[in-house]
Amino acid sequence: MLKRSALGAVCVTLLSSVVFAQSAPRTETARPPAPAAAAPGNSAGQNASEVEPPPLPQNDDPLLVPVAAAPRVLAGWQEALALLRTQSTALQGARTRIERAKADVRTARGRGLPTLTGEGRYTNHLLRNEGYNPLAQQSTSLPYPPSFWTGTLTLSVPLSAQTWYDVGTAKDSVRTATLNAKEVERQQTRELAAAIIRVITTERLAEVSRVSLGAALSTLKLNQRRAALGAASAVDVLRVEQEAVASRAQVIDTNEDLLRAREQLGEALFMAEPISVDPNIKLDSLAEDAVRSCSRQTGVELRPDVVAGNAEVDVAKRRVKSVNYAFLPTLEGLSQLFYYSNELSSPNRDHVAWTVGGVIRWNIFDGGLRYADKAARQTDVALAEQRVRDVERRARIEVTQALRAIQVAEAGLAVSQRTRDIAAETARLTRIGYLNGTGTSFDLVDSARRLREAEIDFTLKEFEVVRAKIAAFLALATCNV
């Protein structure tokens, strides 16, 4: 009876050592070094936890092999920003809209600047007659001269209040496009940071799952050996095998989550390939680099999307006022320089003639078109004001939730850490109790499962705190990509 108890103590020590070998670095409770193995004839009162275990069984399961790295591996935040800067179609589209707005400024300004046009004309009369020409004071072919050509230079200077007011509106549109581009940069930075953190999180979860599977497989082998020696029942083996199957399923799920996270990181960088993150990268330094690439604003009203919304309201109001200038008359100054091949065709009987004049135009009634245009633009103002109110409301909610998410994440981390510590201590006491014959294999397997779940939950909570802090910072930030 004594030999069987000692043999059971050795096997259970092996079992518990494998289950908790990988989780020990995260557990604050240190395991004391084990002395030499106890002989079968030792006293039954000797502490069974001091038995030195023999070599652990080796596992060669293919699921224990880590997922291969993606073709491209990010070395840090700056490399990620460089890829985002060159690959992001959203950023390129926003910057293209800025260039388009600048082109609209040049177009609006061109309508108010002087224009100089040249014209050349050749005239040849095909139907002629003979008669007295007072210009030539003799009988000649009429009309006289029968053919001639003229050249004209026309300088036109438009003077329109509406035109120059529209130039100012176009400049405001450039500012609006620039602010919208800043908002795109903020959103792209937030999505990139979240994608990188998700890859790191799933990498860690996959590692924890593989460790748990390795421990479960080693435990299964030990229980199978115990069952062969008569020290364990078939129920004990089935319980451990059930835990190993659950661990295997978890590895499969976490591996798939990891592959999807890499693909999402590739999508965040606008690339059609999965991207990994350097396993040596430090999450704290990554968060610091992300924060340094942006500047925090003092309030929601200074966030790029809110400022851009207010700028759009101002542009819409200017477009309404532009219609008011359309009711005013416009003035156009003209100056023309003529050259005649035959001076007799010139008004001053010279080859060169020069005129200066002006034209005033006043559209008194246009069928109500301007009134309809003004009414339509006033509805644009109302819609812009509604949009900016919605943007500001969502921004305030987002900031409030982001700040609260930090507190929730930190509180959850503290609870998860305490849960993990309790699970580790429970597993340790369960092992001791099992070695002393006061526990069952079910208690041993259940405590191992709870510790594995606690380790996974603690890993998630750690990364959730970092993600929440970055999200809270970017909720009130202006980024430069």
Protein backbone atom coordinates (compact mmCIF):
# COMPACT_ATOMS: atom_id res chain seq x y z
CA MET A 1 0.00 0.00 0.00
CA LEU A 2 2.86 2.35 0.81
CA LYS A 3 4.55 1.65 -2.52
CA ARG A 4 1.40 2.45 -4.42
CA SER A 5 0.99 5.75 -2.57
CA ALA A 6 4.57 6.78 -3.29
CA LEU A 7 4.19 5.81 -6.94
CA GLY A 8 1.00 7.84 -7.16
CA ALA A 9 2.78 10.78 -5.56
CA VAL A 10 5.54 10.67 -8.18
CA CYS A 11 3.11 10.48 -11.08
CA VAL A 12 0.87 13.24 -9.79
CA THR A 13 3.91 15.46 -9.24
CA LEU A 14 4.82 14.89 -12.87
CA LEU A 15 1.26 15.68 -13.89
CA SER A 16 1.06 18.95 -11.96
CA SER A 17 4.55 20.03 -12.98
CA VAL A 18 3.69 19.79 -16.67
CA VAL A 19 0.36 21.56 -16.34
CA PHE A 20 1.84 24.55 -14.56
CA ALA A 21 5.39 24.65 -15.86
CA GLN A 22 4.64 27.35 -18.47
CA SER A 23 2.26 29.40 -16.34
CA ALA A 24 4.67 29.69 -13.42
CA PRO A 25 6.49 32.84 -14.72
CA ARG A 26 3.22 34.77 -14.61
CA THR A 27 2.28 33.49 -11.16
CA GLU A 28 3.54 35.46 -8.22
CA THR A 29 3.63 32.36 -6.01
CA ALA A 30 7.10 30.81 -6.39
CA ARG A 31 7.55 27.08 -6.46
CA PRO A 32 10.25 25.82 -4.00
CA PRO A 33 13.02 23.66 -5.47
CA ALA A 34 12.34 19.94 -5.20
CA PRO A 35 14.88 17.78 -3.34
CA ALA A 36 15.88 14.25 -4.26
CA ALA A 37 13.13 11.73 -5.01
CA ALA A 38 11.71 9.80 -2.10
CA ALA A 39 12.37 6.07 -1.84
CA PRO A 40 9.39 3.71 -1.62
CA GLY A 41 10.27 2.90 1.96
CA ASN A 42 10.12 6.49 3.22
CA SER A 43 7.58 7.50 5.80
CA ALA A 44 4.09 8.23 4.50
CA GLY A 45 4.15 11.52 6.39
CA GLN A 46 6.93 12.93 4.17
CA ASN A 47 5.74 15.90 2.06
CA ALA A 48 4.90 14.45 -1.36
CA SER A 49 5.44 17.84 -3.07
CA GLU A 50 9.18 17.53 -2.36
CA VAL A 51 9.53 14.55 -4.72
CA GLU A 52 11.85 15.28 -7.66
CA PRO A 53 10.02 14.37 -10.88
CA PRO A 54 11.66 12.29 -13.60
CA PRO A 55 12.02 13.68 -17.18
CA LEU A 56 8.71 14.91 -18.66
CA PRO A 57 7.11 13.16 -21.63
CA GLN A 58 7.84 14.82 -24.97
CA ASN A 59 5.01 15.91 -27.30
CA ASP A 60 5.30 16.08 -31.07
CA ASP A 61 1.76 17.16 -31.90
CA PRO A 62 1.65 19.37 -35.06
CA LEU A 63 -0.60 21.89 -33.30
CA LEU A 64 2.26 22.67 -30.91
CA VAL A 65 4.21 24.21 -33.80
CA PRO A 66 3.79 28.03 -33.87
CA VAL A 67 2.05 29.60 -36.86
CA ALA A 68 4.61 30.65 -39.46
CA ALA A 69 5.30 34.36 -39.74
CA ALA A 70 3.68 36.33 -42.57
CA PRO A 71 5.74 37.32 -45.64
CA ARG A 72 6.03 40.86 -44.29
CA VAL A 73 6.87 41.58 -40.65
CA LEU A 74 6.51 45.04 -39.09
CA ALA A 75 9.53 46.06 -37.06
CA GLY A 76 7.90 49.06 -35.38
CA TRP A 77 5.38 51.89 -35.52
CA GLN A 78 7.41 54.11 -37.84
CA GLU A 79 7.56 51.38 -40.47
CA ALA A 80 3.79 50.94 -40.16
CA LEU A 81 3.26 54.69 -40.66
CA ALA A 82 5.55 54.67 -43.69
CA LEU A 83 3.53 51.87 -45.27
CA LEU A 84 0.27 53.63 -44.41
CA ARG A 85 1.56 56.86 -45.95
CA THR A 86 2.38 55.20 -49.26
CA GLN A 87 -0.33 52.54 -49.47
CA SER A 88 -3.46 54.16 -48.03
CA THR A 89 -5.94 55.00 -50.77
CA ALA A 90 -8.04 56.82 -48.19
CA LEU A 91 -5.18 59.23 -47.41
CA GLN A 92 -4.34 59.66 -51.07
CA GLY A 93 -7.99 60.36 -51.85
CA ALA A 94 -8.18 62.99 -49.09
CA ARG A 95 -5.02 64.70 -50.37
CA THR A 96 -6.34 64.58 -53.93
CA ARG A 97 -9.47 66.40 -52.77
CA ILE A 98 -7.23 69.11 -51.32
CA GLU A 99 -5.56 69.55 -54.72
CA ARG A 100 -8.98 69.66 -56.35
CA ALA A 101 -10.06 72.41 -53.95
CA LYS A 102 -6.92 74.38 -54.79
CA ALA A 103 -7.70 74.01 -58.50
CA ASP A 104 -11.20 75.38 -57.80
CA VAL A 105 -9.56 78.46 -56.24
CA ARG A 106 -7.58 79.06 -59.40
CA THR A 107 -10.72 78.58 -61.48
CA ALA A 108 -12.69 81.08 -59.38
CA ARG A 109 -9.84 83.58 -59.48
CA GLY A 110 -9.53 83.21 -63.25
CA ARG A 111 -13.11 84.44 -63.71
CA GLY A 112 -12.21 87.77 -62.12
CA LEU A 113 -8.82 88.38 -63.77
CA PRO A 114 -8.31 90.33 -67.03
CA THR A 115 -8.35 88.39 -70.28
CA LEU A 116 -6.45 89.23 -73.44
CA THR A 117 -7.63 87.73 -76.72
CA GLY A 118 -6.34 88.07 -80.24
CA GLU A 119 -8.31 87.81 -83.46
CA GLY A 120 -7.33 87.87 -87.11
CA ARG A 121 -9.86 88.27 -89.93
CA TYR A 122 -9.57 88.20 -93.73
CA THR A 123 -12.32 89.61 -95.94
CA ASN A 124 -12.70 89.19 -99.73
CA HIS A 125 -15.77 90.50 -101.58
CA LEU A 126 -16.83 88.16 -104.34
CA LEU A 127 -19.60 90.31 -105.77
CA ARG A 128 -18.23 93.59 -107.08
CA ASN A 129 -19.40 96.53 -109.14
CA GLU A 130 -17.94 99.61 -110.69
CA GLY A 131 -18.70 103.02 -109.25
CA TYR A 132 -17.38 106.20 -107.79
CA ASN A 133 -15.49 105.75 -104.57
CA PRO A 134 -15.43 108.93 -102.46
CA LEU A 135 -12.56 107.56 -100.42
CA ALA A 136 -10.38 107.09 -103.45
CA GLN A 137 -12.09 110.06 -105.29
CA GLN A 138 -12.26 108.09 -108.46
CA SER A 139 -14.20 105.31 -110.12
CA THR A 140 -13.12 101.99 -108.71
CA SER A 141 -14.35 98.53 -108.05
CA LEU A 142 -16.88 98.52 -105.25
CA PRO A 143 -16.71 97.65 -102.48
CA TYR A 144 -13.26 99.08 -102.03
CA PRO A 145 -10.86 97.62 -101.16
CA PRO A 146 -12.13 94.30 -102.52
CA SER A 147 -10.04 92.31 -100.01
CA PHE A 148 -8.30 93.15 -96.76
CA TRP A 149 -7.39 91.65 -93.41
CA THR A 150 -7.52 92.97 -89.84
CA GLY A 151 -5.93 92.01 -86.55
CA THR A 152 -7.50 92.74 -83.15
CA LEU A 153 -6.25 92.56 -79.55
CA THR A 154 -9.03 92.77 -76.94
CA LEU A 155 -8.36 93.35 -73.23
CA SER A 156 -11.34 92.62 -70.98
CA VAL A 157 -11.36 93.47 -67.27
CA PRO A 158 -14.42 92.06 -65.45
CA LEU A 159 -15.54 93.79 -62.27
CA SER A 160 -17.92 91.49 -60.39
CA ALA A 161 -18.39 91.41 -56.62
CA GLN A 162 -19.79 87.89 -56.79
CA THR A 163 -16.70 86.57 -58.59
CA TRP A 164 -14.25 87.75 -55.96
CA TYR A 165 -16.53 86.65 -53.14
CA ASP A 166 -16.56 83.16 -54.68
CA VAL A 167 -12.74 83.20 -54.63
CA GLY A 168 -12.87 83.55 -50.84
CA THR A 169 -15.41 80.73 -50.66
CA ALA A 170 -13.12 78.50 -52.70
CA LYS A 171 -10.24 79.23 -50.31
CA ASP A 172 -12.42 78.21 -47.39
CA SER A 173 -13.18 74.97 -49.24
CA VAL A 174 -9.42 74.25 -49.33
CA ARG A 175 -9.31 74.62 -45.55
CA THR A 176 -12.30 72.29 -45.21
CA ALA A 177 -10.64 69.67 -47.42
CA THR A 178 -7.46 69.94 -45.34
CA LEU A 179 -9.38 69.40 -42.10
CA ASN A 180 -11.19 66.41 -43.60
CA ALA A 181 -7.80 64.97 -44.55
CA LYS A 182 -6.67 65.38 -40.93
CA GLU A 183 -9.73 63.47 -39.79
CA VAL A 184 -8.90 60.69 -42.26
CA GLU A 185 -5.36 60.57 -40.84
CA ARG A 186 -6.74 60.29 -37.29
CA GLN A 187 -9.09 57.47 -38.23
CA GLN A 188 -6.44 55.62 -40.22
CA THR A 189 -3.99 55.91 -37.31
CA ARG A 190 -6.60 54.59 -34.88
CA GLU A 191 -7.45 51.63 -37.10
CA LEU A 192 -3.77 50.85 -37.64
CA ALA A 193 -2.99 50.90 -33.92
CA ALA A 194 -5.98 48.67 -33.17
CA ALA A 195 -4.94 46.21 -35.89
CA ILE A 196 -1.35 46.01 -34.59
CA ILE A 197 -2.49 45.46 -31.01
CA ARG A 198 -4.90 42.78 -32.16
CA VAL A 199 -2.09 40.91 -33.92
CA ILE A 200 0.09 41.09 -30.80
CA THR A 201 -2.82 39.95 -28.64
CA THR A 202 -3.69 36.99 -30.81
CA GLU A 203 0.00 36.05 -31.05
CA ARG A 204 0.13 35.88 -27.25
CA LEU A 205 -3.17 33.97 -27.03
CA ALA A 206 -1.94 31.44 -29.58
CA GLU A 207 1.23 30.97 -27.53
CA VAL A 208 -0.73 30.48 -24.30
CA SER A 209 -3.04 28.01 -26.04
CA ARG A 210 -0.10 25.99 -27.34
CA VAL A 211 1.44 25.87 -23.86
CA SER A 212 -1.88 24.71 -22.43
CA LEU A 213 -2.19 22.05 -25.12
CA GLY A 214 1.35 20.83 -24.42
CA ALA A 215 0.58 20.59 -20.72
CA ALA A 216 -2.70 18.79 -21.40
CA LEU A 217 -1.02 16.27 -23.71
CA SER A 218 1.75 15.60 -21.18
CA THR A 219 -0.86 15.16 -18.48
CA LEU A 220 -2.75 12.74 -20.71
CA LYS A 221 0.38 10.65 -21.28
CA LEU A 222 1.12 10.53 -17.56
CA ASN A 223 -2.42 9.46 -16.73
CA GLN A 224 -2.29 6.81 -19.42
CA ARG A 225 0.91 5.48 -17.82
CA ARG A 226 -0.71 5.58 -14.39
CA ALA A 227 -3.70 3.70 -15.73
CA ALA A 228 -1.37 1.08 -17.19
CA LEU A 229 0.28 0.74 -13.77
CA GLY A 230 -3.09 0.52 -12.05
CA ALA A 231 -2.71 3.85 -10.24
CA ALA A 232 -5.49 5.63 -12.19
CA SER A 233 -8.90 4.69 -13.47
CA ALA A 234 -10.29 4.93 -16.96
CA VAL A 235 -12.47 7.84 -15.83
CA ASP A 236 -9.34 9.79 -14.83
CA VAL A 237 -7.87 9.23 -18.29
CA LEU A 238 -11.09 10.31 -20.01
CA ARG A 239 -11.26 13.48 -17.95
CA VAL A 240 -7.74 14.48 -18.90
CA GLU A 241 -8.34 13.49 -22.53
CA GLN A 242 -11.43 15.67 -22.59
CA GLU A 243 -9.34 18.60 -21.36
CA ALA A 244 -6.74 17.88 -24.06
CA VAL A 245 -9.44 17.89 -26.75
CA ALA A 246 -10.72 21.24 -25.46
CA SER A 247 -7.18 22.63 -25.53
CA ARG A 248 -6.71 21.36 -29.08
CA ALA A 249 -9.91 23.10 -30.21
CA GLN A 250 -8.74 26.28 -28.55
CA VAL A 251 -5.41 26.16 -30.40
CA ILE A 252 -7.23 25.75 -33.71
CA ASP A 253 -9.46 28.76 -32.94
CA THR A 254 -6.61 30.99 -31.78
CA ASN A 255 -4.51 30.09 -34.83
CA GLU A 256 -7.40 31.09 -37.09
CA ASP A 257 -7.87 34.30 -35.10
CA LEU A 258 -4.18 35.04 -35.54
CA LEU A 259 -4.31 34.54 -39.31
CA ARG A 260 -7.38 36.79 -39.54
CA ALA A 261 -5.71 39.43 -37.38
CA ARG A 262 -2.70 39.45 -39.72
CA GLU A 263 -5.01 39.80 -42.72
CA GLN A 264 -6.84 42.67 -41.02
CA LEU A 265 -3.52 44.38 -40.38
CA GLY A 266 -2.75 44.01 -44.09
CA GLU A 267 -6.14 45.56 -44.89
CA ALA A 268 -5.44 48.42 -42.46
CA LEU A 269 -2.26 49.08 -44.44
CA PHE A 270 -4.16 48.69 -47.76
CA MET A 271 -2.17 45.65 -48.78
CA ALA A 272 -3.51 42.35 -50.11
CA GLU A 273 -1.27 40.19 -47.93
CA PRO A 274 -1.14 39.26 -44.23
CA ILE A 275 1.35 41.15 -42.08
CA SER A 276 2.97 40.02 -38.85
CA VAL A 277 4.47 42.07 -36.04
CA ASP A 278 8.01 41.54 -34.77
CA PRO A 279 7.67 39.36 -31.64
CA ASN A 280 10.48 41.33 -29.98
CA ILE A 281 8.57 44.60 -30.19
CA LYS A 282 7.60 46.09 -26.84
CA LEU A 283 3.99 47.08 -26.49
CA ASP A 284 4.81 50.07 -24.29
CA SER A 285 7.25 51.49 -26.83
CA LEU A 286 4.72 50.86 -29.58
CA ALA A 287 2.10 52.86 -27.69
CA GLU A 288 4.59 55.68 -27.03
CA ASP A 289 5.50 55.87 -30.73
CA ALA A 290 1.83 55.98 -31.68
CA VAL A 291 1.21 58.82 -29.23
CA ARG A 292 4.23 60.79 -30.45
CA SER A 293 2.93 60.78 -34.03
CA CYS A 294 -0.18 62.70 -32.94
CA SER A 295 -0.93 65.78 -30.85
CA ARG A 296 -3.71 65.83 -28.27
CA GLN A 297 -6.34 68.58 -28.44
CA THR A 298 -7.81 70.30 -25.42
CA GLY A 299 -11.46 69.76 -26.28
CA VAL A 300 -13.93 68.07 -28.61
CA GLU A 301 -14.54 71.31 -30.47
CA LEU A 302 -10.93 71.21 -31.71
CA ARG A 303 -11.09 67.66 -33.06
CA PRO A 304 -10.53 67.58 -36.85
CA ASP A 305 -13.95 66.20 -37.78
CA VAL A 306 -15.77 68.79 -35.64
CA VAL A 307 -13.65 71.65 -36.96
CA ALA A 308 -14.17 70.39 -40.51
CA GLY A 309 -17.94 70.24 -39.93
CA ASN A 310 -18.01 73.85 -38.74
CA ALA A 311 -15.91 74.86 -41.75
CA GLU A 312 -18.43 73.20 -44.07
CA VAL A 313 -21.20 75.22 -42.42
CA ASP A 314 -19.24 78.43 -43.07
CA VAL A 315 -18.71 77.50 -46.71
CA ALA A 316 -22.42 76.74 -47.11
CA LYS A 317 -23.32 80.14 -45.64
CA ARG A 318 -20.90 81.90 -48.00
CA ARG A 319 -22.56 80.18 -50.96
CA VAL A 320 -25.91 81.59 -49.84
CA LYS A 321 -24.45 85.07 -49.62
CA SER A 322 -22.87 84.63 -53.05
CA VAL A 323 -26.35 84.52 -54.57
CA ASN A 324 -27.05 87.96 -53.07
CA TYR A 325 -24.16 89.39 -55.09
CA ALA A 326 -25.74 87.95 -58.23
CA PHE A 327 -28.48 90.61 -57.95
CA LEU A 328 -25.91 93.39 -58.41
CA PRO A 329 -24.92 94.70 -61.86
CA THR A 330 -21.57 93.73 -63.30
CA LEU A 331 -19.10 96.00 -65.08
CA GLU A 332 -16.63 95.00 -67.75
CA GLY A 333 -13.90 97.25 -69.06
CA LEU A 334 -12.83 96.75 -72.69
CA SER A 335 -9.86 97.96 -74.69
CA GLN A 336 -9.29 96.93 -78.31
CA LEU A 337 -6.30 97.48 -80.59
CA PHE A 338 -6.95 97.08 -84.34
CA TYR A 339 -4.65 96.78 -87.31
CA TYR A 340 -5.98 97.18 -90.88
CA SER A 341 -4.07 96.04 -93.95
CA ASN A 342 -5.69 98.91 -95.87
CA GLU A 343 -5.92 102.19 -94.03
CA LEU A 344 -9.03 103.12 -95.97
CA SER A 345 -10.90 100.39 -94.04
CA SER A 346 -9.89 101.93 -90.72
CA PRO A 347 -12.20 104.40 -88.96
CA ASN A 348 -9.31 106.87 -88.59
CA ARG A 349 -7.89 106.20 -92.07
CA ASP A 350 -4.80 104.67 -90.50
CA HIS A 351 -3.50 101.15 -90.23
CA VAL A 352 -3.81 101.20 -86.41
CA ALA A 353 -6.87 102.02 -84.29
CA TRP A 354 -7.34 101.82 -80.50
CA THR A 355 -10.59 101.99 -78.54
CA VAL A 356 -11.42 101.99 -74.83
CA GLY A 357 -14.90 101.37 -73.42
CA GLY A 358 -16.96 99.52 -70.92
CA VAL A 359 -20.05 97.38 -70.64
CA ILE A 360 -22.46 97.29 -67.71
CA ARG A 361 -24.84 94.38 -67.35
CA TRP A 362 -27.73 94.07 -64.94
CA ASN A 363 -29.83 90.97 -64.87
CA ILE A 364 -33.07 92.49 -63.66
CA PHE A 365 -35.26 89.40 -63.91
CA ASP A 366 -34.26 85.85 -64.71
CA GLY A 367 -37.52 84.02 -64.08
CA GLY A 368 -36.79 83.49 -60.37
CA LEU A 369 -33.70 81.34 -60.94
CA ARG A 370 -31.58 83.21 -58.39
CA TYR A 371 -34.27 82.97 -55.72
CA ALA A 372 -34.52 79.21 -56.28
CA ASP A 373 -30.74 78.91 -56.15
CA LYS A 374 -30.64 80.81 -52.86
CA ALA A 375 -33.37 78.63 -51.34
CA ALA A 376 -31.49 75.48 -52.35
CA ARG A 377 -28.25 76.75 -50.81
CA GLN A 378 -30.07 77.67 -47.59
CA THR A 379 -31.15 74.03 -47.28
CA ASP A 380 -27.48 73.08 -47.70
CA VAL A 381 -26.69 75.28 -44.70
CA ALA A 382 -29.35 73.55 -42.62
CA LEU A 383 -28.06 70.12 -43.60
CA ALA A 384 -24.46 71.12 -42.81
CA GLU A 385 -25.50 72.41 -39.38
CA GLN A 386 -27.33 69.17 -38.65
CA ARG A 387 -24.30 67.14 -39.69
CA VAL A 388 -21.91 69.10 -37.50
CA ARG A 389 -24.23 68.70 -34.51
CA ASP A 390 -24.31 64.97 -35.08
CA VAL A 391 -20.51 64.85 -35.46
CA GLU A 392 -19.98 66.83 -32.26
CA ARG A 393 -22.48 64.71 -30.36
CA ARG A 394 -20.83 61.47 -31.49
CA ALA A 395 -17.40 62.90 -30.72
CA ARG A 396 -18.39 63.78 -27.15
CA ILE A 397 -19.87 60.31 -26.64
CA GLU A 398 -16.76 58.71 -28.11
CA VAL A 399 -14.44 60.69 -25.86
CA THR A 400 -16.52 59.93 -22.77
CA GLN A 401 -16.64 56.24 -23.56
CA ALA A 402 -12.93 56.14 -24.40
CA LEU A 403 -11.95 57.71 -21.09
CA ARG A 404 -14.28 55.42 -19.20
CA ALA A 405 -12.91 52.42 -21.12
CA ILE A 406 -9.49 53.04 -19.53
CA GLN A 407 -10.95 52.82 -16.04
CA VAL A 408 -12.97 49.73 -16.96
CA ALA A 409 -9.94 48.05 -18.55
CA GLU A 410 -7.69 48.78 -15.59
CA ALA A 411 -10.33 47.56 -13.15
CA GLY A 412 -10.84 44.44 -15.24
CA LEU A 413 -7.09 43.85 -15.32
CA ALA A 414 -6.87 44.09 -11.53
CA VAL A 415 -9.74 41.62 -11.14
CA SER A 416 -8.25 39.30 -13.75
CA GLN A 417 -4.87 39.39 -12.04
CA ARG A 418 -6.47 38.52 -8.72
CA THR A 419 -8.46 35.74 -10.39
CA ARG A 420 -5.30 34.37 -11.95
CA ASP A 421 -3.47 34.43 -8.62
CA ILE A 422 -6.37 32.66 -6.91
CA ALA A 423 -6.49 30.07 -9.69
CA ALA A 424 -2.75 29.47 -9.40
CA GLU A 425 -2.93 29.07 -5.63
CA THR A 426 -6.00 26.84 -5.95
CA ALA A 427 -4.18 24.66 -8.46
CA ARG A 428 -1.18 24.42 -6.14
CA LEU A 429 -3.29 23.41 -3.17
CA THR A 430 -5.23 20.97 -5.32
CA ARG A 431 -2.01 19.28 -6.33
CA ILE A 432 -0.89 19.00 -2.73
CA GLY A 433 -4.28 17.67 -1.69
CA TYR A 434 -4.27 15.15 -4.48
CA LEU A 435 -0.80 13.97 -3.50
CA ASN A 436 -1.99 13.54 0.07
CA GLY A 437 -5.05 11.60 -1.07
CA THR A 438 -7.66 14.24 -0.18
CA GLY A 439 -8.52 15.23 -3.78
CA THR A 440 -9.64 13.63 -7.00
CA SER A 441 -8.39 13.74 -10.57
CA PHE A 442 -11.44 15.82 -11.45
CA ASP A 443 -10.34 18.50 -8.99
CA LEU A 444 -6.86 18.43 -10.49
CA VAL A 445 -8.09 18.79 -14.08
CA ASP A 446 -10.67 21.40 -13.17
CA SER A 447 -8.13 23.57 -11.34
CA ALA A 448 -5.77 23.33 -14.33
CA ARG A 449 -8.56 24.38 -16.67
CA ARG A 450 -9.48 27.33 -14.52
CA LEU A 451 -5.85 28.46 -14.37
CA ARG A 452 -5.57 28.22 -18.15
CA GLU A 453 -8.71 30.30 -18.59
CA ALA A 454 -7.44 32.82 -16.05
CA GLU A 455 -4.12 33.13 -17.90
CA ILE A 456 -5.88 33.75 -21.19
CA ASP A 457 -8.22 36.29 -19.63
CA PHE A 458 -5.31 38.10 -17.98
CA THR A 459 -3.49 38.25 -21.32
CA LEU A 460 -6.53 39.79 -22.98
CA LYS A 461 -7.00 42.31 -20.21
CA GLU A 462 -3.35 43.42 -20.42
CA PHE A 463 -3.65 44.29 -24.08
CA GLU A 464 -7.10 45.78 -23.55
CA VAL A 465 -5.61 48.37 -21.20
CA VAL A 466 -3.06 49.41 -23.82
CA ARG A 467 -5.69 49.50 -26.55
CA ALA A 468 -8.01 51.61 -24.38
CA LYS A 469 -5.27 54.12 -23.60
CA ILE A 470 -4.35 54.54 -27.28
CA ALA A 471 -8.02 54.83 -28.28
CA ALA A 472 -8.64 57.46 -25.60
CA PHE A 473 -5.67 59.48 -26.79
CA LEU A 474 -6.67 59.28 -30.44
CA ALA A 475 -10.25 60.26 -29.58
CA LEU A 476 -8.92 63.81 -29.00
CA ALA A 477 -5.93 64.01 -31.31
CA THR A 478 -4.67 65.42 -34.59
CA CYS A 479 -2.27 63.06 -36.37
CA ASN A 480 0.43 63.65 -38.96
CA VAL A 481 0.85 60.72 -41.30
